[in-house]
Amino acid sequence: MITLGLISDTHGLLRPQALAALEGVDAILHAGDIGKPAVLEGLRAIAPVHAVRGNVDRWAGAPPETLTLCFEGVTVHLLHDLSQLEATASVIVSGHSHKPVVEQRGGVLYVNPGSAGPRRFSLPVAMGRLRVDGVHAEAAWFELDVPPPRQRP
């Protein structure tokens, strides 16, 4: 069995809670809007990283726009914005919306781990895990334990 840590939309913020949540994974998939290369360096200290570029990732040497990977016979397609999907795979991992989702549609598992970066609106600060065992894949997202946003007076 392989366990993949799923993270997206860090926007330059690599939270200690995210690093702790990734401990013990076999690899990390970052679905874009990384923010700065230092985020990937921090993730690589935990496990091998596969990342794609998001709409804010415009630095020289930024990752590719999409990646298709295979883990134990399960094909995983990684991209930032699901609306730009042009590939087929057993599992599609995307980001961009900041809304965590895990759903099956037409025999494909779609996963958006949400945003692990700065909190946006009332959306949770979240990540995900993908477990692959042979040709079976299952995913879940979870909220990170971060302080609530400050209330304005």
Protein backbone atom coordinates (compact mmCIF):
# COMPACT_ATOMS: atom_id res chain seq x y z
CA MET A 1 0.00 0.00 0.00
CA ILE A 2 1.17 3.53 -0.85
CA THR A 3 0.02 6.61 1.03
CA LEU A 4 0.17 9.93 -0.79
CA GLY A 5 -0.15 13.28 0.94
CA LEU A 6 -2.27 15.75 -1.02
CA ILE A 7 -1.77 19.48 -0.67
CA SER A 8 -2.76 22.48 -2.74
CA ASP A 9 -3.03 26.24 -2.77
CA THR A 10 -0.32 26.93 -0.20
CA HIS A 11 0.27 30.38 -1.71
CA GLY A 12 3.75 30.54 -0.18
CA LEU A 13 2.68 29.41 3.30
CA LEU A 14 3.94 26.06 4.53
CA ARG A 15 2.22 25.59 7.88
CA PRO A 16 3.79 23.43 10.61
CA GLN A 17 0.41 21.64 10.86
CA ALA A 18 0.70 20.67 7.18
CA LEU A 19 4.21 19.34 7.65
CA ALA A 20 3.06 17.28 10.64
CA ALA A 21 0.11 15.89 8.66
CA LEU A 22 2.47 14.72 5.92
CA GLU A 23 4.79 12.75 8.19
CA GLY A 24 4.98 9.11 7.12
CA VAL A 25 3.60 9.51 3.58
CA ASP A 26 5.39 7.79 0.70
CA ALA A 27 5.11 10.81 -1.61
CA ILE A 28 3.46 14.24 -1.74
CA LEU A 29 1.31 15.59 -4.57
CA HIS A 30 1.00 19.40 -4.70
CA ALA A 31 -1.86 20.53 -6.95
CA GLY A 32 -0.56 24.02 -7.65
CA ASP A 33 -0.58 27.60 -6.43
CA ILE A 34 2.59 26.73 -4.55
CA GLY A 35 3.52 30.39 -4.18
CA LYS A 36 7.29 30.07 -3.96
CA PRO A 37 9.94 27.37 -4.49
CA ALA A 38 10.76 27.23 -0.77
CA VAL A 39 7.42 25.48 -0.19
CA LEU A 40 8.53 22.57 -2.40
CA GLU A 41 11.92 22.47 -0.65
CA GLY A 42 10.17 22.17 2.72
CA LEU A 43 7.95 19.37 1.44
CA ARG A 44 10.93 17.49 -0.05
CA ALA A 45 12.39 17.23 3.45
CA ILE A 46 9.49 14.86 4.23
CA ALA A 47 8.99 12.78 1.07
CA PRO A 48 9.42 12.90 -2.72
CA VAL A 49 7.26 15.66 -4.21
CA HIS A 50 5.29 15.72 -7.48
CA ALA A 51 3.91 19.18 -8.17
CA VAL A 52 2.10 21.13 -10.85
CA ARG A 53 1.99 24.83 -11.52
CA GLY A 54 -1.00 26.91 -10.53
CA ASN A 55 -2.04 30.31 -11.81
CA VAL A 56 0.19 32.10 -9.24
CA ASP A 57 3.30 30.01 -9.99
CA ARG A 58 5.13 32.11 -12.56
CA TRP A 59 8.74 31.80 -11.41
CA ALA A 60 11.51 30.44 -13.65
CA GLY A 61 11.62 26.66 -13.43
CA ALA A 62 8.08 26.33 -12.03
CA PRO A 63 6.61 22.80 -12.29
CA PRO A 64 4.67 21.64 -15.36
CA GLU A 65 0.95 22.37 -15.76
CA THR A 66 -0.03 18.70 -15.51
CA LEU A 67 1.49 15.38 -14.48
CA THR A 68 0.26 11.84 -14.97
CA LEU A 69 1.73 9.33 -12.53
CA CYS A 70 1.24 5.65 -11.80
CA PHE A 71 1.22 4.18 -8.30
CA GLU A 72 0.77 0.39 -8.01
CA GLY A 73 -1.18 0.30 -11.26
CA VAL A 74 -3.43 3.27 -10.43
CA THR A 75 -3.09 6.21 -12.82
CA VAL A 76 -3.23 9.61 -11.10
CA HIS A 77 -3.55 12.83 -13.09
CA LEU A 78 -2.48 15.99 -11.27
CA LEU A 79 -3.48 19.50 -12.39
CA HIS A 80 -4.40 22.78 -10.75
CA ASP A 81 -7.68 23.85 -12.33
CA LEU A 82 -10.18 21.04 -12.95
CA SER A 83 -11.86 23.09 -15.69
CA GLN A 84 -8.71 22.52 -17.78
CA LEU A 85 -8.85 18.72 -17.54
CA GLU A 86 -7.97 17.06 -20.84
CA ALA A 87 -6.70 13.67 -19.64
CA THR A 88 -8.27 10.50 -18.33
CA ALA A 89 -7.06 8.60 -15.29
CA SER A 90 -8.34 6.49 -12.41
CA VAL A 91 -7.79 9.40 -10.03
CA ILE A 92 -7.84 13.14 -10.77
CA VAL A 93 -6.23 15.42 -8.17
CA SER A 94 -6.80 19.16 -8.57
CA GLY A 95 -6.78 22.36 -6.53
CA HIS A 96 -7.71 25.96 -7.40
CA SER A 97 -11.18 26.18 -5.85
CA HIS A 98 -9.90 25.95 -2.23
CA LYS A 99 -12.92 23.70 -1.57
CA PRO A 100 -12.04 20.18 -0.39
CA VAL A 101 -13.93 17.46 -2.28
CA VAL A 102 -13.71 13.69 -2.71
CA GLU A 103 -16.21 12.18 -5.13
CA GLN A 104 -16.63 9.32 -7.59
CA ARG A 105 -18.00 10.19 -11.03
CA GLY A 106 -18.16 7.77 -13.92
CA GLY A 107 -15.68 5.39 -12.32
CA VAL A 108 -13.13 8.17 -11.71
CA LEU A 109 -12.11 9.36 -8.25
CA TYR A 110 -11.91 13.19 -8.13
CA VAL A 111 -10.00 14.72 -5.25
CA ASN A 112 -9.43 18.34 -4.30
CA PRO A 113 -7.57 18.55 -0.98
CA GLY A 114 -8.65 22.17 -0.46
CA SER A 115 -6.25 24.93 0.53
CA ALA A 116 -3.47 24.48 3.08
CA GLY A 117 -2.37 28.11 2.68
CA PRO A 118 -3.91 31.33 3.91
CA ARG A 119 -7.54 30.93 4.90
CA ARG A 120 -9.99 32.13 2.25
CA PHE A 121 -13.40 33.32 3.28
CA SER A 122 -15.07 30.70 5.50
CA LEU A 123 -13.47 27.72 3.74
CA PRO A 124 -11.55 25.21 5.85
CA VAL A 125 -7.76 25.01 5.82
CA ALA A 126 -7.46 21.46 4.54
CA MET A 127 -5.35 18.72 2.97
CA GLY A 128 -5.92 15.16 1.84
CA ARG A 129 -4.58 11.62 1.65
CA LEU A 130 -4.78 9.13 -1.15
CA ARG A 131 -4.19 5.46 -0.38
CA VAL A 132 -3.41 3.12 -3.24
CA ASP A 133 -3.46 -0.64 -2.71
CA GLY A 134 -3.04 -2.61 -5.91
CA VAL A 135 -5.63 -1.24 -8.31
CA HIS A 136 -7.81 0.19 -5.52
CA ALA A 137 -7.61 3.87 -4.50
CA GLU A 138 -9.41 5.71 -1.74
CA ALA A 139 -9.11 9.32 -0.66
CA ALA A 140 -10.18 11.61 2.14
CA TRP A 141 -9.70 15.23 3.01
CA PHE A 142 -9.23 16.59 6.50
CA GLU A 143 -9.14 19.96 8.16
CA LEU A 144 -5.91 21.23 9.69
CA ASP A 145 -6.01 22.40 13.29
CA VAL A 146 -5.17 26.06 12.77
CA PRO A 147 -6.26 29.10 14.76
CA PRO A 148 -9.55 30.60 13.60
CA PRO A 149 -9.41 33.84 11.64
CA ARG A 150 -9.30 37.00 13.72
CA GLN A 151 -12.62 38.76 14.05
CA ARG A 152 -12.66 42.38 13.06
CA PRO A 153 -14.02 44.75 15.73
